[in-house]
N, C-alpha and C. Protein backbone atom coordinates (compact mmCIF):
# COMPACT_ATOMS: atom_id res chain seq x y z
N MET A 1 -18.96 26.99 -2.61
CA MET A 1 -18.35 26.69 -3.89
C MET A 1 -17.03 25.95 -3.71
N GLU A 2 -16.25 26.32 -2.66
CA GLU A 2 -14.98 25.66 -2.42
C GLU A 2 -15.17 24.18 -2.09
N LEU A 3 -16.25 23.84 -1.36
CA LEU A 3 -16.53 22.44 -1.04
C LEU A 3 -16.76 21.65 -2.32
N LEU A 4 -17.53 22.22 -3.25
CA LEU A 4 -17.78 21.55 -4.51
C LEU A 4 -16.48 21.34 -5.27
N HIS A 5 -15.62 22.36 -5.27
CA HIS A 5 -14.32 22.26 -5.93
C HIS A 5 -13.53 21.09 -5.33
N GLY A 6 -13.52 20.99 -4.00
CA GLY A 6 -12.83 19.90 -3.32
C GLY A 6 -13.41 18.55 -3.65
N LEU A 7 -14.74 18.48 -3.73
CA LEU A 7 -15.40 17.22 -4.06
C LEU A 7 -15.10 16.82 -5.50
N GLU A 8 -15.07 17.79 -6.40
CA GLU A 8 -14.72 17.50 -7.79
C GLU A 8 -13.29 16.98 -7.88
N PHE A 9 -12.38 17.61 -7.14
CA PHE A 9 -10.99 17.17 -7.11
C PHE A 9 -10.91 15.73 -6.62
N GLN A 10 -11.61 15.44 -5.53
CA GLN A 10 -11.56 14.10 -4.95
C GLN A 10 -12.14 13.06 -5.91
N ALA A 11 -13.23 13.41 -6.58
CA ALA A 11 -13.84 12.48 -7.53
C ALA A 11 -12.91 12.22 -8.71
N ALA A 12 -12.31 13.26 -9.25
CA ALA A 12 -11.38 13.09 -10.37
C ALA A 12 -10.15 12.29 -9.92
N ALA A 13 -9.63 12.60 -8.73
CA ALA A 13 -8.47 11.88 -8.21
C ALA A 13 -8.80 10.41 -8.00
N ALA A 14 -10.01 10.12 -7.52
CA ALA A 14 -10.43 8.73 -7.31
C ALA A 14 -10.44 7.98 -8.64
N ASN A 15 -10.88 8.63 -9.70
CA ASN A 15 -10.89 7.99 -11.03
C ASN A 15 -9.46 7.70 -11.51
N TYR A 16 -8.59 8.70 -11.40
CA TYR A 16 -7.20 8.49 -11.81
C TYR A 16 -6.55 7.40 -10.96
N ALA A 17 -6.74 7.45 -9.65
CA ALA A 17 -6.12 6.48 -8.75
C ALA A 17 -6.64 5.07 -9.02
N GLY A 18 -7.94 4.95 -9.28
CA GLY A 18 -8.51 3.63 -9.58
C GLY A 18 -7.93 3.02 -10.84
N ALA A 19 -7.83 3.83 -11.88
CA ALA A 19 -7.26 3.34 -13.14
C ALA A 19 -5.78 3.00 -12.95
N LEU A 20 -5.07 3.86 -12.24
CA LEU A 20 -3.65 3.63 -11.99
C LEU A 20 -3.45 2.35 -11.18
N PHE A 21 -4.29 2.14 -10.18
CA PHE A 21 -4.17 0.95 -9.34
C PHE A 21 -4.43 -0.32 -10.17
N GLU A 22 -5.45 -0.29 -11.01
CA GLU A 22 -5.74 -1.46 -11.86
C GLU A 22 -4.55 -1.80 -12.75
N LEU A 23 -3.94 -0.78 -13.34
CA LEU A 23 -2.76 -1.01 -14.18
C LEU A 23 -1.60 -1.57 -13.35
N ALA A 24 -1.42 -1.04 -12.14
CA ALA A 24 -0.34 -1.52 -11.27
C ALA A 24 -0.56 -2.98 -10.88
N VAL A 25 -1.81 -3.36 -10.63
CA VAL A 25 -2.12 -4.76 -10.30
C VAL A 25 -1.79 -5.65 -11.50
N GLU A 26 -2.21 -5.22 -12.69
CA GLU A 26 -1.94 -5.99 -13.91
C GLU A 26 -0.44 -6.20 -14.13
N GLN A 27 0.35 -5.17 -13.77
CA GLN A 27 1.79 -5.23 -14.00
C GLN A 27 2.55 -5.70 -12.77
N ASP A 28 1.83 -6.10 -11.73
CA ASP A 28 2.42 -6.57 -10.48
C ASP A 28 3.43 -5.56 -9.92
N SER A 29 3.02 -4.30 -9.92
CA SER A 29 3.92 -3.24 -9.45
C SER A 29 3.25 -2.30 -8.45
N VAL A 30 2.28 -2.81 -7.70
CA VAL A 30 1.53 -1.97 -6.76
C VAL A 30 2.47 -1.38 -5.71
N GLU A 31 3.31 -2.22 -5.10
CA GLU A 31 4.18 -1.75 -4.04
C GLU A 31 5.21 -0.75 -4.56
N ALA A 32 5.83 -1.06 -5.69
CA ALA A 32 6.85 -0.16 -6.26
C ALA A 32 6.24 1.19 -6.63
N LEU A 33 5.06 1.16 -7.25
CA LEU A 33 4.41 2.42 -7.62
C LEU A 33 3.99 3.19 -6.37
N GLY A 34 3.51 2.47 -5.36
CA GLY A 34 3.14 3.13 -4.10
C GLY A 34 4.33 3.84 -3.48
N ASP A 35 5.51 3.20 -3.51
CA ASP A 35 6.73 3.83 -2.99
C ASP A 35 7.08 5.09 -3.78
N GLN A 36 6.96 5.02 -5.09
CA GLN A 36 7.27 6.19 -5.92
C GLN A 36 6.29 7.33 -5.64
N LEU A 37 5.03 6.99 -5.48
CA LEU A 37 4.02 8.02 -5.19
C LEU A 37 4.28 8.67 -3.84
N HIS A 38 4.72 7.87 -2.86
CA HIS A 38 5.06 8.44 -1.55
C HIS A 38 6.25 9.39 -1.64
N GLN A 39 7.25 9.02 -2.43
CA GLN A 39 8.39 9.91 -2.63
C GLN A 39 7.95 11.22 -3.28
N LEU A 40 7.09 11.10 -4.26
CA LEU A 40 6.58 12.28 -4.94
C LEU A 40 5.77 13.15 -3.98
N GLU A 41 4.94 12.50 -3.17
CA GLU A 41 4.14 13.24 -2.19
C GLU A 41 5.03 13.96 -1.18
N SER A 42 6.09 13.31 -0.73
CA SER A 42 7.03 13.94 0.20
C SER A 42 7.68 15.16 -0.42
N LEU A 43 8.04 15.02 -1.66
CA LEU A 43 8.66 16.14 -2.38
C LEU A 43 7.68 17.31 -2.48
N LEU A 44 6.43 17.00 -2.81
CA LEU A 44 5.41 18.05 -2.89
C LEU A 44 5.17 18.71 -1.54
N ALA A 45 5.20 17.91 -0.48
CA ALA A 45 4.94 18.44 0.86
C ALA A 45 6.06 19.36 1.34
N THR A 46 7.27 19.11 0.88
CA THR A 46 8.40 19.89 1.40
C THR A 46 8.83 21.03 0.48
N SER A 47 8.33 21.07 -0.73
CA SER A 47 8.78 22.09 -1.68
C SER A 47 7.64 23.02 -2.08
N GLU A 48 7.63 24.18 -1.48
CA GLU A 48 6.63 25.21 -1.83
C GLU A 48 6.82 25.64 -3.28
N GLN A 49 8.07 25.73 -3.73
CA GLN A 49 8.34 26.13 -5.11
C GLN A 49 7.76 25.14 -6.11
N LEU A 50 7.90 23.86 -5.81
CA LEU A 50 7.36 22.84 -6.71
C LEU A 50 5.83 22.94 -6.77
N ARG A 51 5.20 23.10 -5.62
CA ARG A 51 3.73 23.23 -5.61
C ARG A 51 3.29 24.46 -6.39
N MET A 52 3.99 25.56 -6.23
CA MET A 52 3.64 26.77 -6.96
C MET A 52 3.83 26.57 -8.46
N PHE A 53 4.92 25.91 -8.84
CA PHE A 53 5.19 25.64 -10.25
C PHE A 53 4.05 24.82 -10.86
N LEU A 54 3.62 23.78 -10.15
CA LEU A 54 2.58 22.90 -10.68
C LEU A 54 1.22 23.57 -10.71
N ASP A 55 0.98 24.48 -9.78
CA ASP A 55 -0.34 25.13 -9.68
C ASP A 55 -0.46 26.39 -10.53
N THR A 56 0.64 26.91 -11.05
CA THR A 56 0.61 28.15 -11.82
C THR A 56 0.00 27.90 -13.19
N PRO A 57 -1.14 28.55 -13.48
CA PRO A 57 -1.81 28.32 -14.77
C PRO A 57 -1.03 28.84 -15.98
N MET A 58 -0.11 29.77 -15.76
CA MET A 58 0.63 30.34 -16.89
C MET A 58 1.70 29.41 -17.43
N ILE A 59 2.01 28.34 -16.69
CA ILE A 59 3.00 27.37 -17.16
C ILE A 59 2.26 26.33 -17.98
N GLY A 60 2.69 26.14 -19.19
CA GLY A 60 2.00 25.26 -20.11
C GLY A 60 2.26 23.78 -19.85
N ALA A 61 1.46 22.97 -20.50
CA ALA A 61 1.54 21.52 -20.36
C ALA A 61 2.91 21.00 -20.80
N LYS A 62 3.42 21.56 -21.89
CA LYS A 62 4.71 21.11 -22.42
C LYS A 62 5.82 21.35 -21.40
N GLU A 63 5.82 22.54 -20.79
CA GLU A 63 6.85 22.88 -19.80
C GLU A 63 6.74 21.99 -18.56
N ARG A 64 5.52 21.71 -18.13
CA ARG A 64 5.33 20.83 -16.98
C ARG A 64 5.85 19.42 -17.29
N TRP A 65 5.48 18.92 -18.46
CA TRP A 65 5.91 17.57 -18.82
C TRP A 65 7.43 17.48 -18.94
N GLU A 66 8.04 18.50 -19.52
CA GLU A 66 9.51 18.51 -19.63
C GLU A 66 10.14 18.53 -18.24
N PHE A 67 9.54 19.28 -17.33
CA PHE A 67 10.02 19.32 -15.95
C PHE A 67 9.92 17.93 -15.32
N PHE A 68 8.77 17.27 -15.47
CA PHE A 68 8.58 15.93 -14.91
C PHE A 68 9.62 14.96 -15.48
N GLN A 69 9.87 15.07 -16.78
CA GLN A 69 10.85 14.17 -17.40
C GLN A 69 12.25 14.38 -16.81
N LYS A 70 12.63 15.65 -16.60
CA LYS A 70 13.95 15.96 -16.03
C LYS A 70 14.06 15.46 -14.59
N VAL A 71 13.04 15.73 -13.79
CA VAL A 71 13.12 15.44 -12.36
C VAL A 71 12.86 13.97 -12.05
N PHE A 72 11.88 13.38 -12.70
CA PHE A 72 11.46 12.03 -12.33
C PHE A 72 11.80 10.97 -13.37
N GLY A 73 12.28 11.37 -14.52
CA GLY A 73 12.53 10.43 -15.61
C GLY A 73 13.54 9.34 -15.28
N ASN A 74 14.52 9.65 -14.43
CA ASN A 74 15.55 8.66 -14.10
C ASN A 74 15.05 7.57 -13.16
N TRP A 75 14.10 7.88 -12.30
CA TRP A 75 13.66 6.87 -11.33
C TRP A 75 12.18 6.54 -11.43
N GLY A 76 11.44 7.28 -12.19
CA GLY A 76 10.00 7.04 -12.29
C GLY A 76 9.67 5.88 -13.21
N SER A 77 8.77 5.02 -12.75
CA SER A 77 8.33 3.89 -13.58
C SER A 77 7.50 4.40 -14.75
N ASP A 78 7.24 3.52 -15.70
CA ASP A 78 6.40 3.89 -16.85
C ASP A 78 5.02 4.33 -16.38
N LEU A 79 4.50 3.65 -15.34
CA LEU A 79 3.17 4.02 -14.84
C LEU A 79 3.17 5.43 -14.24
N LEU A 80 4.19 5.73 -13.43
CA LEU A 80 4.27 7.06 -12.83
C LEU A 80 4.45 8.12 -13.91
N MET A 81 5.33 7.87 -14.85
CA MET A 81 5.58 8.86 -15.90
C MET A 81 4.33 9.03 -16.77
N GLY A 82 3.61 7.94 -17.01
CA GLY A 82 2.36 8.04 -17.77
C GLY A 82 1.34 8.90 -17.04
N LEU A 83 1.24 8.70 -15.73
CA LEU A 83 0.32 9.53 -14.93
C LEU A 83 0.73 11.00 -15.00
N LEU A 84 2.00 11.27 -14.78
CA LEU A 84 2.47 12.66 -14.81
C LEU A 84 2.26 13.29 -16.18
N ASN A 85 2.44 12.52 -17.24
CA ASN A 85 2.21 13.01 -18.60
C ASN A 85 0.75 13.42 -18.77
N VAL A 86 -0.16 12.54 -18.36
CA VAL A 86 -1.59 12.83 -18.49
C VAL A 86 -1.95 14.06 -17.66
N LEU A 87 -1.48 14.11 -16.42
CA LEU A 87 -1.81 15.24 -15.55
C LEU A 87 -1.26 16.55 -16.10
N ALA A 88 -0.05 16.51 -16.64
CA ALA A 88 0.56 17.73 -17.20
C ALA A 88 -0.23 18.22 -18.40
N HIS A 89 -0.59 17.30 -19.29
CA HIS A 89 -1.27 17.71 -20.52
C HIS A 89 -2.76 18.03 -20.32
N ARG A 90 -3.33 17.57 -19.25
CA ARG A 90 -4.73 17.91 -18.96
C ARG A 90 -4.86 18.99 -17.89
N ASN A 91 -3.73 19.58 -17.53
CA ASN A 91 -3.70 20.64 -16.51
C ASN A 91 -4.35 20.17 -15.20
N ARG A 92 -3.98 18.98 -14.76
CA ARG A 92 -4.54 18.37 -13.55
C ARG A 92 -3.48 18.08 -12.49
N CYS A 93 -2.35 18.75 -12.53
CA CYS A 93 -1.26 18.48 -11.59
C CYS A 93 -1.67 18.73 -10.13
N ALA A 94 -2.63 19.59 -9.92
CA ALA A 94 -3.10 19.86 -8.55
C ALA A 94 -3.75 18.63 -7.91
N LEU A 95 -4.07 17.63 -8.71
CA LEU A 95 -4.69 16.41 -8.19
C LEU A 95 -3.70 15.43 -7.57
N LEU A 96 -2.41 15.65 -7.73
CA LEU A 96 -1.42 14.66 -7.31
C LEU A 96 -1.59 14.20 -5.87
N GLY A 97 -1.74 15.12 -4.95
CA GLY A 97 -1.89 14.75 -3.54
C GLY A 97 -3.12 13.89 -3.31
N TYR A 98 -4.23 14.27 -3.95
CA TYR A 98 -5.46 13.49 -3.82
C TYR A 98 -5.30 12.10 -4.44
N ILE A 99 -4.60 12.03 -5.56
CA ILE A 99 -4.41 10.75 -6.23
C ILE A 99 -3.60 9.80 -5.33
N VAL A 100 -2.57 10.32 -4.70
CA VAL A 100 -1.76 9.50 -3.79
C VAL A 100 -2.63 8.96 -2.65
N GLN A 101 -3.46 9.82 -2.07
CA GLN A 101 -4.35 9.38 -0.99
C GLN A 101 -5.30 8.28 -1.46
N GLN A 102 -5.90 8.48 -2.62
CA GLN A 102 -6.84 7.48 -3.14
C GLN A 102 -6.13 6.19 -3.54
N PHE A 103 -4.91 6.30 -4.03
CA PHE A 103 -4.13 5.10 -4.36
C PHE A 103 -3.87 4.29 -3.09
N GLU A 104 -3.57 4.97 -1.99
CA GLU A 104 -3.36 4.29 -0.70
C GLU A 104 -4.62 3.57 -0.25
N VAL A 105 -5.77 4.16 -0.48
CA VAL A 105 -7.04 3.51 -0.13
C VAL A 105 -7.19 2.20 -0.90
N HIS A 106 -6.88 2.24 -2.19
CA HIS A 106 -6.95 1.03 -3.01
C HIS A 106 -5.94 -0.02 -2.51
N CYS A 107 -4.74 0.42 -2.18
CA CYS A 107 -3.71 -0.51 -1.68
C CYS A 107 -4.17 -1.16 -0.38
N ASP A 108 -4.72 -0.37 0.53
CA ASP A 108 -5.20 -0.91 1.81
C ASP A 108 -6.31 -1.94 1.58
N ARG A 109 -7.26 -1.60 0.75
CA ARG A 109 -8.37 -2.51 0.46
C ARG A 109 -7.85 -3.80 -0.16
N HIS A 110 -6.93 -3.67 -1.10
CA HIS A 110 -6.35 -4.82 -1.80
C HIS A 110 -5.60 -5.73 -0.82
N ALA A 111 -4.91 -5.14 0.14
CA ALA A 111 -4.10 -5.90 1.09
C ALA A 111 -4.90 -6.37 2.30
N GLY A 112 -6.17 -5.97 2.41
CA GLY A 112 -6.98 -6.36 3.56
C GLY A 112 -6.65 -5.56 4.81
N ARG A 113 -6.23 -4.31 4.63
CA ARG A 113 -5.89 -3.44 5.75
C ARG A 113 -7.00 -2.43 6.00
N VAL A 114 -7.20 -2.10 7.27
CA VAL A 114 -8.08 -1.00 7.63
C VAL A 114 -7.35 -0.14 8.65
N HIS A 115 -7.71 1.13 8.68
CA HIS A 115 -7.14 2.06 9.65
C HIS A 115 -8.18 2.32 10.73
N ALA A 116 -7.72 2.35 11.97
CA ALA A 116 -8.61 2.56 13.11
C ALA A 116 -8.09 3.70 13.97
N ASP A 117 -8.96 4.64 14.27
CA ASP A 117 -8.62 5.71 15.21
C ASP A 117 -8.92 5.22 16.60
N LEU A 118 -7.93 5.27 17.48
CA LEU A 118 -8.07 4.82 18.85
C LEU A 118 -7.88 6.01 19.78
N VAL A 119 -8.89 6.27 20.59
CA VAL A 119 -8.81 7.34 21.58
C VAL A 119 -8.91 6.67 22.95
N SER A 120 -7.90 6.89 23.78
CA SER A 120 -7.90 6.29 25.11
C SER A 120 -7.63 7.37 26.16
N ALA A 121 -8.01 7.06 27.38
CA ALA A 121 -7.84 8.02 28.47
C ALA A 121 -6.36 8.24 28.80
N ARG A 122 -5.57 7.20 28.59
CA ARG A 122 -4.12 7.31 28.81
C ARG A 122 -3.42 6.56 27.69
N GLU A 123 -2.13 6.81 27.57
CA GLU A 123 -1.36 6.16 26.52
C GLU A 123 -1.28 4.66 26.79
N LEU A 124 -1.55 3.86 25.77
CA LEU A 124 -1.50 2.41 25.92
C LEU A 124 -0.12 1.89 25.54
N GLY A 125 0.30 0.81 26.19
CA GLY A 125 1.59 0.19 25.91
C GLY A 125 1.54 -0.63 24.63
N GLU A 126 2.71 -1.01 24.14
CA GLU A 126 2.81 -1.79 22.90
C GLU A 126 2.05 -3.10 23.00
N GLU A 127 2.16 -3.76 24.15
CA GLU A 127 1.47 -5.03 24.34
C GLU A 127 -0.05 -4.86 24.24
N GLN A 128 -0.55 -3.80 24.87
CA GLN A 128 -1.99 -3.52 24.82
C GLN A 128 -2.43 -3.19 23.40
N LEU A 129 -1.64 -2.40 22.70
CA LEU A 129 -1.97 -2.03 21.33
C LEU A 129 -1.98 -3.26 20.42
N ASP A 130 -0.97 -4.13 20.59
CA ASP A 130 -0.90 -5.35 19.78
C ASP A 130 -2.12 -6.24 20.05
N ARG A 131 -2.49 -6.38 21.30
CA ARG A 131 -3.64 -7.22 21.66
C ARG A 131 -4.92 -6.64 21.07
N LEU A 132 -5.09 -5.33 21.16
CA LEU A 132 -6.27 -4.67 20.62
C LEU A 132 -6.32 -4.83 19.10
N GLU A 133 -5.18 -4.71 18.43
CA GLU A 133 -5.13 -4.92 16.98
C GLU A 133 -5.59 -6.32 16.61
N GLN A 134 -5.13 -7.32 17.36
CA GLN A 134 -5.52 -8.71 17.10
C GLN A 134 -7.03 -8.90 17.28
N ILE A 135 -7.57 -8.34 18.34
CA ILE A 135 -9.01 -8.45 18.60
C ILE A 135 -9.80 -7.78 17.48
N LEU A 136 -9.37 -6.59 17.09
CA LEU A 136 -10.07 -5.85 16.04
C LEU A 136 -9.96 -6.56 14.68
N GLN A 137 -8.82 -7.18 14.40
CA GLN A 137 -8.67 -7.92 13.15
C GLN A 137 -9.69 -9.04 13.06
N ARG A 138 -9.89 -9.74 14.16
CA ARG A 138 -10.90 -10.81 14.15
C ARG A 138 -12.30 -10.22 14.04
N TYR A 139 -12.53 -9.10 14.73
CA TYR A 139 -13.86 -8.51 14.75
C TYR A 139 -14.28 -7.99 13.37
N VAL A 140 -13.38 -7.29 12.70
CA VAL A 140 -13.71 -6.72 11.38
C VAL A 140 -13.31 -7.64 10.23
N GLN A 141 -12.72 -8.77 10.56
CA GLN A 141 -12.33 -9.79 9.59
C GLN A 141 -11.42 -9.24 8.49
N LYS A 142 -10.36 -8.57 8.94
CA LYS A 142 -9.35 -8.04 8.03
C LYS A 142 -7.99 -8.61 8.40
N LYS A 143 -7.08 -8.62 7.44
CA LYS A 143 -5.74 -9.15 7.69
C LYS A 143 -4.96 -8.26 8.64
N GLN A 144 -5.19 -6.96 8.55
CA GLN A 144 -4.40 -6.04 9.35
C GLN A 144 -5.23 -4.82 9.74
N VAL A 145 -5.13 -4.45 11.00
CA VAL A 145 -5.73 -3.22 11.50
C VAL A 145 -4.58 -2.32 11.92
N ILE A 146 -4.54 -1.14 11.36
CA ILE A 146 -3.49 -0.18 11.70
C ILE A 146 -4.11 0.86 12.64
N LEU A 147 -3.63 0.85 13.89
CA LEU A 147 -4.17 1.76 14.89
C LEU A 147 -3.47 3.11 14.82
N HIS A 148 -4.27 4.15 14.98
CA HIS A 148 -3.77 5.52 15.08
C HIS A 148 -4.19 6.04 16.45
N PRO A 149 -3.35 5.80 17.47
CA PRO A 149 -3.75 6.13 18.84
C PRO A 149 -3.53 7.60 19.20
N ARG A 150 -4.40 8.09 20.06
CA ARG A 150 -4.23 9.40 20.71
C ARG A 150 -4.93 9.33 22.05
N THR A 151 -4.64 10.28 22.91
CA THR A 151 -5.23 10.27 24.25
C THR A 151 -6.21 11.42 24.42
N ASP A 152 -7.20 11.17 25.28
CA ASP A 152 -8.20 12.18 25.65
C ASP A 152 -8.61 11.88 27.09
N GLN A 153 -8.12 12.68 28.02
CA GLN A 153 -8.34 12.41 29.43
C GLN A 153 -9.80 12.57 29.85
N SER A 154 -10.63 13.19 29.02
CA SER A 154 -12.04 13.35 29.36
C SER A 154 -12.78 12.01 29.35
N LEU A 155 -12.15 10.97 28.78
CA LEU A 155 -12.78 9.65 28.77
C LEU A 155 -12.78 9.00 30.15
N LEU A 156 -11.96 9.49 31.06
CA LEU A 156 -11.79 8.97 32.41
C LEU A 156 -11.06 7.63 32.43
N GLY A 157 -11.38 6.76 31.55
CA GLY A 157 -10.76 5.44 31.44
C GLY A 157 -11.31 4.75 30.21
N GLY A 158 -10.71 3.63 29.83
CA GLY A 158 -11.20 2.89 28.67
C GLY A 158 -10.74 3.51 27.36
N PHE A 159 -11.52 3.22 26.29
CA PHE A 159 -11.13 3.70 24.97
C PHE A 159 -12.34 3.74 24.03
N ILE A 160 -12.15 4.42 22.91
CA ILE A 160 -13.11 4.46 21.81
C ILE A 160 -12.32 4.14 20.54
N VAL A 161 -12.85 3.22 19.72
CA VAL A 161 -12.21 2.87 18.46
C VAL A 161 -13.19 3.19 17.33
N ARG A 162 -12.66 3.84 16.28
CA ARG A 162 -13.46 4.12 15.08
C ARG A 162 -12.77 3.51 13.88
N ILE A 163 -13.52 2.65 13.18
CA ILE A 163 -13.04 2.06 11.93
C ILE A 163 -14.13 2.35 10.90
N GLY A 164 -13.87 3.33 10.04
CA GLY A 164 -14.90 3.73 9.08
C GLY A 164 -16.13 4.21 9.82
N ASP A 165 -17.28 3.58 9.55
CA ASP A 165 -18.54 3.96 10.20
C ASP A 165 -18.75 3.26 11.54
N LEU A 166 -17.92 2.27 11.85
CA LEU A 166 -18.06 1.50 13.08
C LEU A 166 -17.39 2.24 14.23
N GLN A 167 -18.10 2.33 15.35
CA GLN A 167 -17.52 2.91 16.56
C GLN A 167 -17.76 1.96 17.72
N ILE A 168 -16.70 1.66 18.44
CA ILE A 168 -16.77 0.83 19.64
C ILE A 168 -16.41 1.73 20.81
N ASP A 169 -17.35 1.96 21.69
CA ASP A 169 -17.15 2.86 22.82
C ASP A 169 -17.05 2.03 24.11
N ALA A 170 -15.83 1.81 24.56
CA ALA A 170 -15.59 1.08 25.80
C ALA A 170 -14.98 2.02 26.84
N SER A 171 -15.47 3.26 26.85
CA SER A 171 -14.94 4.26 27.77
C SER A 171 -15.71 4.25 29.08
N VAL A 172 -15.04 4.67 30.14
CA VAL A 172 -15.70 4.80 31.45
C VAL A 172 -16.79 5.85 31.36
N ALA A 173 -16.54 6.94 30.65
CA ALA A 173 -17.55 8.00 30.51
C ALA A 173 -18.83 7.44 29.90
N ARG A 174 -18.71 6.63 28.87
CA ARG A 174 -19.90 6.01 28.25
C ARG A 174 -20.57 5.04 29.21
N GLY A 175 -19.78 4.28 29.95
CA GLY A 175 -20.33 3.35 30.93
C GLY A 175 -21.11 4.07 32.01
N LEU A 176 -20.57 5.19 32.48
CA LEU A 176 -21.29 5.98 33.49
C LEU A 176 -22.58 6.56 32.92
N GLU A 177 -22.50 7.01 31.68
CA GLU A 177 -23.70 7.56 31.03
C GLU A 177 -24.78 6.48 30.91
N SER A 178 -24.39 5.28 30.51
CA SER A 178 -25.35 4.17 30.40
C SER A 178 -25.92 3.82 31.77
N TRP A 179 -25.08 3.82 32.79
CA TRP A 179 -25.52 3.51 34.14
C TRP A 179 -26.54 4.54 34.62
N CYS A 180 -26.25 5.84 34.36
CA CYS A 180 -27.18 6.92 34.75
C CYS A 180 -28.50 6.80 33.99
N ASP A 181 -28.42 6.51 32.70
CA ASP A 181 -29.64 6.31 31.91
C ASP A 181 -30.47 5.17 32.49
N GLY A 182 -29.79 4.10 32.88
CA GLY A 182 -30.49 2.97 33.49
C GLY A 182 -31.16 3.34 34.79
N LEU A 183 -30.48 4.12 35.61
CA LEU A 183 -31.08 4.57 36.87
C LEU A 183 -32.30 5.45 36.63
N ILE A 184 -32.22 6.32 35.67
CA ILE A 184 -33.35 7.20 35.35
C ILE A 184 -34.52 6.38 34.85
N THR A 185 -34.25 5.45 33.94
CA THR A 185 -35.32 4.59 33.41
C THR A 185 -35.96 3.79 34.53
N ARG A 186 -35.13 3.23 35.41
CA ARG A 186 -35.69 2.45 36.53
C ARG A 186 -36.48 3.35 37.46
N GLY A 187 -36.00 4.57 37.73
CA GLY A 187 -36.72 5.51 38.59
C GLY A 187 -38.07 5.87 37.99
N GLU A 188 -38.10 6.11 36.67
CA GLU A 188 -39.38 6.42 36.01
C GLU A 188 -40.33 5.24 36.13
N TYR A 189 -39.80 4.04 35.98
CA TYR A 189 -40.64 2.84 36.09
C TYR A 189 -41.22 2.72 37.51
N GLU A 190 -40.36 2.96 38.51
CA GLU A 190 -40.82 2.85 39.91
C GLU A 190 -41.86 3.91 40.23
N ILE A 191 -41.70 5.12 39.70
CA ILE A 191 -42.66 6.19 39.96
C ILE A 191 -44.01 5.86 39.34
N GLN A 192 -43.99 5.27 38.16
CA GLN A 192 -45.23 4.95 37.45
C GLN A 192 -45.98 3.79 38.11
N ARG A 193 -45.33 2.98 38.91
CA ARG A 193 -45.98 1.84 39.55
C ARG A 193 -46.81 2.28 40.66
């Protein structure tokens, strides 16, 4: 049941984020709104009291909206305040974190950015990372590839890159596995002859 709840949250957040992104594009304020959403997300991440306040069902829509006006009214754009108003009055404040994530997805897509998880046997230098980003940009035909590197010594050498559903496995472990598979296949062929 919790998985369904999470999926419902994500679907609702995707709808809010999509509508918000379209309005931001129309008003040429995608970057400014993205910055405001990041500030809001940081505040939510660091304030347990704020999260509890927003998640408490006994606090009414009016009180939440008044709180948003006091805290964010001085620096929040009309789009941000409109979002907070809708979320407060529809008792959907728990969606804020999901909405920020989905808004970032829209921003990345709009800007031609993709995120790539990079797993390597050892830490790669800046030059190597820059070169790999350039190669991946050409390969996936995007303006920008943002690498998220980490190390895993079980790879022995090389790397694995994941971009969405695409996986590029250039690890020594995979190479050895392929080599062993080839030897087995050749051995079976020789035995059958």
